[in-house]
């Protein structure tokens, strides 16, 4: 389901001509894998997200999600607030 949603998002934003990157969102739970948490708040292309989840070990029992983030021509988020907050939550989880 997650992959279908991502593929649909990619197609829709492309059709509309809206530049986006996808922010990885870890569940930040007690069973979250460190490698998944480390990606939380980072921005990736749609294809990079698909490739990462295509590796079997990454999709098994994964509670991660994604959010589209509008970016400018340089690939910088138009609004940093959400990205900053997600990264702060990630850093807090990683600190223990």
PDB file of N, CA and C in Angstrom:
ATOM      1  N   UNK A   1       0.823  -1.195   0.000  1.00  0.00           N
ATOM      2  CA  UNK A   1       0.000   0.000   0.000  1.00  0.00           C
ATOM      3  C   UNK A   1       0.868   1.261   0.000  1.00  0.00           C
ATOM      4  N   UNK A   2       1.900   1.261   0.843  1.00  0.00           N
ATOM      5  CA  UNK A   2       2.776   2.428   0.934  1.00  0.00           C
ATOM      6  C   UNK A   2       3.415   2.724  -0.419  1.00  0.00           C
ATOM      7  N   UNK A   3       3.872   1.676  -1.117  1.00  0.00           N
ATOM      8  CA  UNK A   3       4.518   1.873  -2.415  1.00  0.00           C
ATOM      9  C   UNK A   3       3.526   2.408  -3.439  1.00  0.00           C
ATOM     10  N   UNK A   4       2.300   1.894  -3.433  1.00  0.00           N
ATOM     11  CA  UNK A   4       1.280   2.399  -4.365  1.00  0.00           C
ATOM     12  C   UNK A   4       0.997   3.869  -4.094  1.00  0.00           C
ATOM     13  N   UNK A   5       0.904   4.233  -2.812  1.00  0.00           N
ATOM     14  CA  UNK A   5       0.661   5.636  -2.467  1.00  0.00           C
ATOM     15  C   UNK A   5       1.809   6.520  -2.938  1.00  0.00           C
ATOM     16  N   UNK A   6       3.023   6.055  -2.731  1.00  0.00           N
ATOM     17  CA  UNK A   6       4.189   6.824  -3.155  1.00  0.00           C
ATOM     18  C   UNK A   6       4.215   6.969  -4.676  1.00  0.00           C
ATOM     19  N   UNK A   7       3.987   5.884  -5.383  1.00  0.00           N
ATOM     20  CA  UNK A   7       3.983   5.946  -6.847  1.00  0.00           C
ATOM     21  C   UNK A   7       2.881   6.868  -7.358  1.00  0.00           C
ATOM     22  N   UNK A   8       1.716   6.845  -6.711  1.00  0.00           N
ATOM     23  CA  UNK A   8       0.616   7.742  -7.102  1.00  0.00           C
ATOM     24  C   UNK A   8       0.993   9.194  -6.830  1.00  0.00           C
ATOM     25  N   UNK A   9       1.632   9.453  -5.685  1.00  0.00           N
ATOM     26  CA  UNK A   9       2.078  10.812  -5.358  1.00  0.00           C
ATOM     27  C   UNK A   9       3.077  11.321  -6.392  1.00  0.00           C
ATOM     28  N   UNK A  10       4.042  10.492  -6.723  1.00  0.00           N
ATOM     29  CA  UNK A  10       5.063  10.880  -7.700  1.00  0.00           C
ATOM     30  C   UNK A  10       4.399  11.271  -9.016  1.00  0.00           C
ATOM     31  N   UNK A  11       3.488  10.448  -9.481  1.00  0.00           N
ATOM     32  CA  UNK A  11       2.804  10.716 -10.750  1.00  0.00           C
ATOM     33  C   UNK A  11       1.981  11.997 -10.678  1.00  0.00           C
ATOM     34  N   UNK A  12       1.276  12.204  -9.582  1.00  0.00           N
ATOM     35  CA  UNK A  12       0.410  13.383  -9.455  1.00  0.00           C
ATOM     36  C   UNK A  12       1.224  14.674  -9.381  1.00  0.00           C
ATOM     37  N   UNK A  13       2.275  14.703  -8.568  1.00  0.00           N
ATOM     38  CA  UNK A  13       3.103  15.911  -8.489  1.00  0.00           C
ATOM     39  C   UNK A  13       3.786  16.195  -9.824  1.00  0.00           C
ATOM     40  N   UNK A  14       4.204  15.162 -10.515  1.00  0.00           N
ATOM     41  CA  UNK A  14       4.813  15.332 -11.832  1.00  0.00           C
ATOM     42  C   UNK A  14       3.801  15.913 -12.813  1.00  0.00           C
ATOM     43  N   UNK A  15       2.595  15.373 -12.802  1.00  0.00           N
ATOM     44  CA  UNK A  15       1.537  15.854 -13.695  1.00  0.00           C
ATOM     45  C   UNK A  15       1.241  17.323 -13.441  1.00  0.00           C
ATOM     46  N   UNK A  16       1.262  17.722 -12.171  1.00  0.00           N
ATOM     47  CA  UNK A  16       0.957  19.106 -11.801  1.00  0.00           C
ATOM     48  C   UNK A  16       2.162  20.038 -11.939  1.00  0.00           C
ATOM     49  N   UNK A  17       3.338  19.479 -12.176  1.00  0.00           N
ATOM     50  CA  UNK A  17       4.541  20.296 -12.309  1.00  0.00           C
ATOM     51  C   UNK A  17       5.029  20.866 -10.992  1.00  0.00           C
ATOM     52  N   UNK A  18       4.733  20.183  -9.891  1.00  0.00           N
ATOM     53  CA  UNK A  18       5.140  20.643  -8.561  1.00  0.00           C
ATOM     54  C   UNK A  18       6.402  19.891  -8.157  1.00  0.00           C
ATOM     55  N   UNK A  19       7.441  20.652  -7.796  1.00  0.00           N
ATOM     56  CA  UNK A  19       8.705  20.049  -7.382  1.00  0.00           C
ATOM     57  C   UNK A  19       8.611  19.632  -5.917  1.00  0.00           C
ATOM     58  N   UNK A  20       8.816  18.345  -5.657  1.00  0.00           N
ATOM     59  CA  UNK A  20       8.803  17.843  -4.284  1.00  0.00           C
ATOM     60  C   UNK A  20       9.934  16.850  -4.086  1.00  0.00           C
ATOM     61  N   UNK A  21      10.345  16.736  -2.837  1.00  0.00           N
ATOM     62  CA  UNK A  21      11.162  15.626  -2.371  1.00  0.00           C
ATOM     63  C   UNK A  21      10.338  14.956  -1.285  1.00  0.00           C
ATOM     64  N   UNK A  22      10.725  13.759  -0.907  1.00  0.00           N
ATOM     65  CA  UNK A  22       9.957  13.011   0.080  1.00  0.00           C
ATOM     66  C   UNK A  22      10.757  12.870   1.369  1.00  0.00           C
ATOM     67  N   UNK A  23      10.127  13.280   2.470  1.00  0.00           N
ATOM     68  CA  UNK A  23      10.769  13.194   3.771  1.00  0.00           C
ATOM     69  C   UNK A  23      10.440  11.845   4.395  1.00  0.00           C
ATOM     70  N   UNK A  24      11.469  11.137   4.782  1.00  0.00           N
ATOM     71  CA  UNK A  24      11.297   9.854   5.470  1.00  0.00           C
ATOM     72  C   UNK A  24      10.825  10.140   6.894  1.00  0.00           C
ATOM     73  N   UNK A  25       9.816   9.402   7.330  1.00  0.00           N
ATOM     74  CA  UNK A  25       9.266   9.560   8.677  1.00  0.00           C
ATOM     75  C   UNK A  25       9.321   8.219   9.393  1.00  0.00           C
ATOM     76  N   UNK A  26      10.193   8.118  10.371  1.00  0.00           N
ATOM     77  CA  UNK A  26      10.287   6.900  11.166  1.00  0.00           C
ATOM     78  C   UNK A  26       9.196   6.914  12.224  1.00  0.00           C
ATOM     79  N   UNK A  27       8.751   5.729  12.625  1.00  0.00           N
ATOM     80  CA  UNK A  27       7.757   5.623  13.684  1.00  0.00           C
ATOM     81  C   UNK A  27       8.302   6.037  15.043  1.00  0.00           C
ATOM     82  N   UNK A  28       9.621   6.074  15.192  1.00  0.00           N
ATOM     83  CA  UNK A  28      10.288   6.439  16.447  1.00  0.00           C
ATOM     84  C   UNK A  28       9.703   5.688  17.645  1.00  0.00           C
ATOM     85  N   UNK A  29       9.478   4.400  17.455  1.00  0.00           N
ATOM     86  CA  UNK A  29       8.952   3.581  18.547  1.00  0.00           C
ATOM     87  C   UNK A  29      10.095   2.790  19.183  1.00  0.00           C
ATOM     88  N   UNK A  30       9.772   2.066  20.223  1.00  0.00           N
ATOM     89  CA  UNK A  30      10.795   1.278  20.918  1.00  0.00           C
ATOM     90  C   UNK A  30      11.347   0.152  20.043  1.00  0.00           C
ATOM     91  N   UNK A  31      10.609  -0.230  19.012  1.00  0.00           N
ATOM     92  CA  UNK A  31      11.074  -1.302  18.121  1.00  0.00           C
ATOM     93  C   UNK A  31      11.609  -0.770  16.791  1.00  0.00           C
ATOM     94  N   UNK A  32      11.728   0.543  16.661  1.00  0.00           N
ATOM     95  CA  UNK A  32      12.256   1.130  15.421  1.00  0.00           C
ATOM     96  C   UNK A  32      13.710   0.717  15.225  1.00  0.00           C
ATOM     97  N   UNK A  33      14.045   0.387  14.006  1.00  0.00           N
ATOM     98  CA  UNK A  33      15.433   0.061  13.687  1.00  0.00           C
ATOM     99  C   UNK A  33      16.228   1.355  13.545  1.00  0.00           C
ATOM    100  N   UNK A  34      17.414   1.343  14.104  1.00  0.00           N
ATOM    101  CA  UNK A  34      18.264   2.535  14.071  1.00  0.00           C
ATOM    102  C   UNK A  34      18.456   3.043  12.638  1.00  0.00           C
ATOM    103  N   UNK A  35      18.646   2.136  11.695  1.00  0.00           N
ATOM    104  CA  UNK A  35      18.874   2.546  10.303  1.00  0.00           C
ATOM    105  C   UNK A  35      17.660   3.274   9.731  1.00  0.00           C
ATOM    106  N   UNK A  36      16.470   2.971  10.224  1.00  0.00           N
ATOM    107  CA  UNK A  36      15.258   3.650   9.775  1.00  0.00           C
ATOM    108  C   UNK A  36      15.153   5.018  10.451  1.00  0.00           C
ATOM    109  N   UNK A  37      15.460   5.059  11.732  1.00  0.00           N
ATOM    110  CA  UNK A  37      15.394   6.325  12.471  1.00  0.00           C
ATOM    111  C   UNK A  37      16.401   7.321  11.909  1.00  0.00           C
ATOM    112  N   UNK A  38      17.579   6.854  11.545  1.00  0.00           N
ATOM    113  CA  UNK A  38      18.611   7.747  11.012  1.00  0.00           C
ATOM    114  C   UNK A  38      18.172   8.445   9.729  1.00  0.00           C
ATOM    115  N   UNK A  39      17.233   7.868   8.990  1.00  0.00           N
ATOM    116  CA  UNK A  39      16.711   8.483   7.763  1.00  0.00           C
ATOM    117  C   UNK A  39      15.609   9.499   8.051  1.00  0.00           C
ATOM    118  N   UNK A  40      15.030   9.433   9.235  1.00  0.00           N
ATOM    119  CA  UNK A  40      13.879  10.273   9.556  1.00  0.00           C
ATOM    120  C   UNK A  40      14.236  11.757   9.435  1.00  0.00           C
ATOM    121  N   UNK A  41      13.428  12.487   8.698  1.00  0.00           N
ATOM    122  CA  UNK A  41      13.669  13.910   8.491  1.00  0.00           C
ATOM    123  C   UNK A  41      14.559  14.225   7.304  1.00  0.00           C
ATOM    124  N   UNK A  42      15.124  13.197   6.685  1.00  0.00           N
ATOM    125  CA  UNK A  42      15.967  13.414   5.511  1.00  0.00           C
ATOM    126  C   UNK A  42      15.095  13.401   4.258  1.00  0.00           C
ATOM    127  N   UNK A  43      15.528  14.133   3.245  1.00  0.00           N
ATOM    128  CA  UNK A  43      14.762  14.276   2.005  1.00  0.00           C
ATOM    129  C   UNK A  43      15.365  13.426   0.893  1.00  0.00           C
ATOM    130  N   UNK A  44      14.480  12.763   0.150  1.00  0.00           N
ATOM    131  CA  UNK A  44      14.891  11.861  -0.916  1.00  0.00           C
ATOM    132  C   UNK A  44      13.986  12.058  -2.122  1.00  0.00           C
ATOM    133  N   UNK A  45      14.481  11.678  -3.286  1.00  0.00           N
ATOM    134  CA  UNK A  45      13.606  11.654  -4.461  1.00  0.00           C
ATOM    135  C   UNK A  45      12.631  10.489  -4.295  1.00  0.00           C
ATOM    136  N   UNK A  46      11.575  10.514  -5.061  1.00  0.00           N
ATOM    137  CA  UNK A  46      10.628   9.410  -5.020  1.00  0.00           C
ATOM    138  C   UNK A  46      11.293   8.093  -5.373  1.00  0.00           C
ATOM    139  N   UNK A  47      12.152   8.107  -6.384  1.00  0.00           N
ATOM    140  CA  UNK A  47      12.830   6.875  -6.794  1.00  0.00           C
ATOM    141  C   UNK A  47      13.759   6.363  -5.699  1.00  0.00           C
ATOM    142  N   UNK A  48      14.434   7.267  -5.001  1.00  0.00           N
ATOM    143  CA  UNK A  48      15.292   6.836  -3.890  1.00  0.00           C
ATOM    144  C   UNK A  48      14.470   6.157  -2.797  1.00  0.00           C
ATOM    145  N   UNK A  49      13.278   6.675  -2.529  1.00  0.00           N
ATOM    146  CA  UNK A  49      12.400   6.055  -1.528  1.00  0.00           C
ATOM    147  C   UNK A  49      11.966   4.667  -1.996  1.00  0.00           C
ATOM    148  N   UNK A  50      11.560   4.562  -3.248  1.00  0.00           N
ATOM    149  CA  UNK A  50      11.135   3.271  -3.797  1.00  0.00           C
ATOM    150  C   UNK A  50      12.281   2.262  -3.726  1.00  0.00           C
ATOM    151  N   UNK A  51      13.467   2.688  -4.136  1.00  0.00           N
ATOM    152  CA  UNK A  51      14.627   1.790  -4.120  1.00  0.00           C
ATOM    153  C   UNK A  51      14.924   1.307  -2.704  1.00  0.00           C
ATOM    154  N   UNK A  52      14.860   2.210  -1.728  1.00  0.00           N
ATOM    155  CA  UNK A  52      15.164   1.852  -0.340  1.00  0.00           C
ATOM    156  C   UNK A  52      14.149   0.845   0.192  1.00  0.00           C
ATOM    157  N   UNK A  53      12.862   1.089  -0.027  1.00  0.00           N
ATOM    158  CA  UNK A  53      11.836   0.170   0.461  1.00  0.00           C
ATOM    159  C   UNK A  53      11.808  -1.134  -0.332  1.00  0.00           C
ATOM    160  N   UNK A  54      12.389  -1.137  -1.524  1.00  0.00           N
ATOM    161  CA  UNK A  54      12.407  -2.353  -2.339  1.00  0.00           C
ATOM    162  C   UNK A  54      13.354  -3.405  -1.781  1.00  0.00           C
ATOM    163  N   UNK A  55      14.304  -2.960  -0.979  1.00  0.00           N
ATOM    164  CA  UNK A  55      15.195  -3.925  -0.333  1.00  0.00           C
ATOM    165  C   UNK A  55      14.408  -4.597   0.788  1.00  0.00           C
ATOM    166  N   UNK A  56      14.249  -5.897   0.687  1.00  0.00           N
ATOM    167  CA  UNK A  56      13.329  -6.641   1.556  1.00  0.00           C
ATOM    168  C   UNK A  56      13.494  -6.322   3.037  1.00  0.00           C
ATOM    169  N   UNK A  57      14.709  -6.260   3.504  1.00  0.00           N
ATOM    170  CA  UNK A  57      14.917  -6.031   4.933  1.00  0.00           C
ATOM    171  C   UNK A  57      14.363  -4.678   5.385  1.00  0.00           C
ATOM    172  N   UNK A  58      14.241  -3.733   4.484  1.00  0.00           N
ATOM    173  CA  UNK A  58      13.734  -2.415   4.864  1.00  0.00           C
ATOM    174  C   UNK A  58      12.216  -2.368   4.980  1.00  0.00           C
ATOM    175  N   UNK A  59      11.514  -3.187   4.247  1.00  0.00           N
ATOM    176  CA  UNK A  59      10.052  -3.118   4.276  1.00  0.00           C
ATOM    177  C   UNK A  59       9.421  -4.058   5.298  1.00  0.00           C
ATOM    178  N   UNK A  60      10.158  -5.057   5.756  1.00  0.00           N
ATOM    179  CA  UNK A  60       9.611  -6.029   6.703  1.00  0.00           C
ATOM    180  C   UNK A  60       9.381  -5.370   8.062  1.00  0.00           C
ATOM    181  N   UNK A  61       8.153  -5.434   8.547  1.00  0.00           N
ATOM    182  CA  UNK A  61       7.760  -4.892   9.856  1.00  0.00           C
ATOM    183  C   UNK A  61       8.122  -3.410  10.008  1.00  0.00           C
ATOM    184  N   UNK A  62       8.136  -2.700   8.910  1.00  0.00           N
ATOM    185  CA  UNK A  62       8.493  -1.275   8.922  1.00  0.00           C
ATOM    186  C   UNK A  62       7.252  -0.428   9.181  1.00  0.00           C
ATOM    187  N   UNK A  63       7.377   0.509  10.107  1.00  0.00           N
ATOM    188  CA  UNK A  63       6.275   1.417  10.432  1.00  0.00           C
ATOM    189  C   UNK A  63       6.534   2.825   9.906  1.00  0.00           C
ATOM    190  N   UNK A  64       7.552   2.963   9.089  1.00  0.00           N
ATOM    191  CA  UNK A  64       7.906   4.271   8.548  1.00  0.00           C
ATOM    192  C   UNK A  64       6.884   4.721   7.507  1.00  0.00           C
ATOM    193  N   UNK A  65       6.909   6.010   7.257  1.00  0.00           N
ATOM    194  CA  UNK A  65       6.046   6.600   6.247  1.00  0.00           C
ATOM    195  C   UNK A  65       6.846   7.679   5.530  1.00  0.00           C
ATOM    196  N   UNK A  66       6.147   8.535   4.813  1.00  0.00           N
ATOM    197  CA  UNK A  66       6.808   9.619   4.094  1.00  0.00           C
ATOM    198  C   UNK A  66       5.844  10.787   3.978  1.00  0.00           C
ATOM    199  N   UNK A  67       6.405  11.943   3.727  1.00  0.00           N
ATOM    200  CA  UNK A  67       5.597  13.136   3.463  1.00  0.00           C
ATOM    201  C   UNK A  67       6.257  13.894   2.321  1.00  0.00           C
ATOM    202  N   UNK A  68       5.440  14.362   1.395  1.00  0.00           N
ATOM    203  CA  UNK A  68       5.960  15.179   0.301  1.00  0.00           C
ATOM    204  C   UNK A  68       6.288  16.566   0.842  1.00  0.00           C
ATOM    205  N   UNK A  69       7.435  17.086   0.447  1.00  0.00           N
ATOM    206  CA  UNK A  69       7.885  18.409   0.870  1.00  0.00           C
ATOM    207  C   UNK A  69       8.151  19.227  -0.391  1.00  0.00           C
ATOM    208  N   UNK A  70       7.437  20.329  -0.538  1.00  0.00           N
ATOM    209  CA  UNK A  70       7.670  21.197  -1.694  1.00  0.00           C
ATOM    210  C   UNK A  70       9.052  21.819  -1.585  1.00  0.00           C
ATOM    211  N   UNK A  71       9.778  21.822  -2.711  1.00  0.00           N
ATOM    212  CA  UNK A  71      11.129  22.367  -2.732  1.00  0.00           C
ATOM    213  C   UNK A  71      11.257  23.401  -3.846  1.00  0.00           C
ATOM    214  N   UNK A  72      12.277  24.259  -3.711  1.00  0.00           N
ATOM    215  CA  UNK A  72      12.541  25.248  -4.755  1.00  0.00           C
ATOM    216  C   UNK A  72      13.405  24.609  -5.846  1.00  0.00           C
ATOM    217  N   UNK A  73      13.862  25.422  -6.791  1.00  0.00           N
ATOM    218  CA  UNK A  73      14.650  24.906  -7.914  1.00  0.00           C
ATOM    219  C   UNK A  73      15.979  24.295  -7.472  1.00  0.00           C
ATOM    220  N   UNK A  74      16.464  24.705  -6.296  1.00  0.00           N
ATOM    221  CA  UNK A  74      17.723  24.174  -5.774  1.00  0.00           C
ATOM    222  C   UNK A  74      17.523  22.946  -4.894  1.00  0.00           C
ATOM    223  N   UNK A  75      16.277  22.490  -4.758  1.00  0.00           N
ATOM    224  CA  UNK A  75      15.994  21.322  -3.928  1.00  0.00           C
ATOM    225  C   UNK A  75      15.898  21.619  -2.450  1.00  0.00           C
ATOM    226  N   UNK A  76      15.785  22.895  -2.104  1.00  0.00           N
ATOM    227  CA  UNK A  76      15.662  23.302  -0.696  1.00  0.00           C
ATOM    228  C   UNK A  76      14.185  23.391  -0.331  1.00  0.00           C
ATOM    229  N   UNK A  77      13.808  22.896   0.855  1.00  0.00           N
ATOM    230  CA  UNK A  77      12.398  22.974   1.265  1.00  0.00           C
ATOM    231  C   UNK A  77      11.897  24.414   1.283  1.00  0.00           C
ATOM    232  N   UNK A  78      10.684  24.612   0.804  1.00  0.00           N
ATOM    233  CA  UNK A  78      10.083  25.950   0.829  1.00  0.00           C
ATOM    234  C   UNK A  78       9.770  26.369   2.261  1.00  0.00           C
ATOM    235  N   UNK A  79       9.533  25.399   3.119  1.00  0.00           N
ATOM    236  CA  UNK A  79       9.320  25.665   4.544  1.00  0.00           C
ATOM    237  C   UNK A  79      10.132  24.647   5.334  1.00  0.00           C
ATOM    238  N   UNK A  80      11.034  25.120   6.153  1.00  0.00           N
ATOM    239  CA  UNK A  80      11.929  24.241   6.912  1.00  0.00           C
ATOM    240  C   UNK A  80      11.320  23.751   8.224  1.00  0.00           C
ATOM    241  N   UNK A  81      10.211  24.334   8.672  1.00  0.00           N
ATOM    242  CA  UNK A  81       9.697  24.060  10.013  1.00  0.00           C
ATOM    243  C   UNK A  81       9.429  22.577  10.253  1.00  0.00           C
ATOM    244  N   UNK A  82       8.672  21.930   9.392  1.00  0.00           N
ATOM    245  CA  UNK A  82       8.355  20.515   9.590  1.00  0.00           C
ATOM    246  C   UNK A  82       9.615  19.659   9.549  1.00  0.00           C
ATOM    247  N   UNK A  83      10.486  19.934   8.599  1.00  0.00           N
ATOM    248  CA  UNK A  83      11.727  19.171   8.474  1.00  0.00           C
ATOM    249  C   UNK A  83      12.548  19.313   9.752  1.00  0.00           C
ATOM    250  N   UNK A  84      12.653  20.520  10.260  1.00  0.00           N
ATOM    251  CA  UNK A  84      13.408  20.776  11.485  1.00  0.00           C
ATOM    252  C   UNK A  84      12.818  20.021  12.662  1.00  0.00           C
ATOM    253  N   UNK A  85      11.514  20.041  12.808  1.00  0.00           N
ATOM    254  CA  UNK A  85      10.867  19.356  13.939  1.00  0.00           C
ATOM    255  C   UNK A  85      11.044  17.845  13.865  1.00  0.00           C
ATOM    256  N   UNK A  86      10.936  17.291  12.685  1.00  0.00           N
ATOM    257  CA  UNK A  86      11.123  15.845  12.538  1.00  0.00           C
ATOM    258  C   UNK A  86      12.566  15.474  12.866  1.00  0.00           C
ATOM    259  N   UNK A  87      13.511  16.278  12.432  1.00  0.00           N
ATOM    260  CA  UNK A  87      14.921  15.999  12.727  1.00  0.00           C
ATOM    261  C   UNK A  87      15.211  16.130  14.218  1.00  0.00           C
ATOM    262  N   UNK A  88      14.580  17.088  14.879  1.00  0.00           N
ATOM    263  CA  UNK A  88      14.758  17.226  16.325  1.00  0.00           C
ATOM    264  C   UNK A  88      14.231  15.997  17.058  1.00  0.00           C
ATOM    265  N   UNK A  89      13.071  15.494  16.646  1.00  0.00           N
ATOM    266  CA  UNK A  89      12.504  14.287  17.258  1.00  0.00           C
ATOM    267  C   UNK A  89      13.423  13.090  17.017  1.00  0.00           C
ATOM    268  N   UNK A  90      13.972  13.004  15.810  1.00  0.00           N
ATOM    269  CA  UNK A  90      14.910  11.926  15.484  1.00  0.00           C
ATOM    270  C   UNK A  90      16.138  11.990  16.385  1.00  0.00           C
ATOM    271  N   UNK A  91      16.710  13.184  16.512  1.00  0.00           N
ATOM    272  CA  UNK A  91      17.916  13.347  17.320  1.00  0.00           C
ATOM    273  C   UNK A  91      17.657  13.003  18.783  1.00  0.00           C
ATOM    274  N   UNK A  92      16.489  13.355  19.277  1.00  0.00           N
ATOM    275  CA  UNK A  92      16.121  13.027  20.660  1.00  0.00           C
ATOM    276  C   UNK A  92      16.032  11.509  20.826  1.00  0.00           C
ATOM    277  N   UNK A  93      15.410  10.817  19.875  1.00  0.00           N
ATOM    278  CA  UNK A  93      15.300   9.357  19.933  1.00  0.00           C
ATOM    279  C   UNK A  93      16.691   8.726  19.893  1.00  0.00           C
ATOM    280  N   UNK A  94      17.546   9.218  18.999  1.00  0.00           N
ATOM    281  CA  UNK A  94      18.888   8.655  18.861  1.00  0.00           C
ATOM    282  C   UNK A  94      19.736   8.879  20.111  1.00  0.00           C
ATOM    283  N   UNK A  95      19.483   9.984  20.821  1.00  0.00           N
ATOM    284  CA  UNK A  95      20.232  10.288  22.041  1.00  0.00           C
ATOM    285  C   UNK A  95      19.825   9.375  23.196  1.00  0.00           C
ATOM    286  N   UNK A  96      18.685   8.718  23.021  1.00  0.00           N
ATOM    287  CA  UNK A  96      18.273   7.739  24.013  1.00  0.00           C
ATOM    288  C   UNK A  96      17.334   8.234  25.008  1.00  0.00           C
TER     289      UNK A  96
END
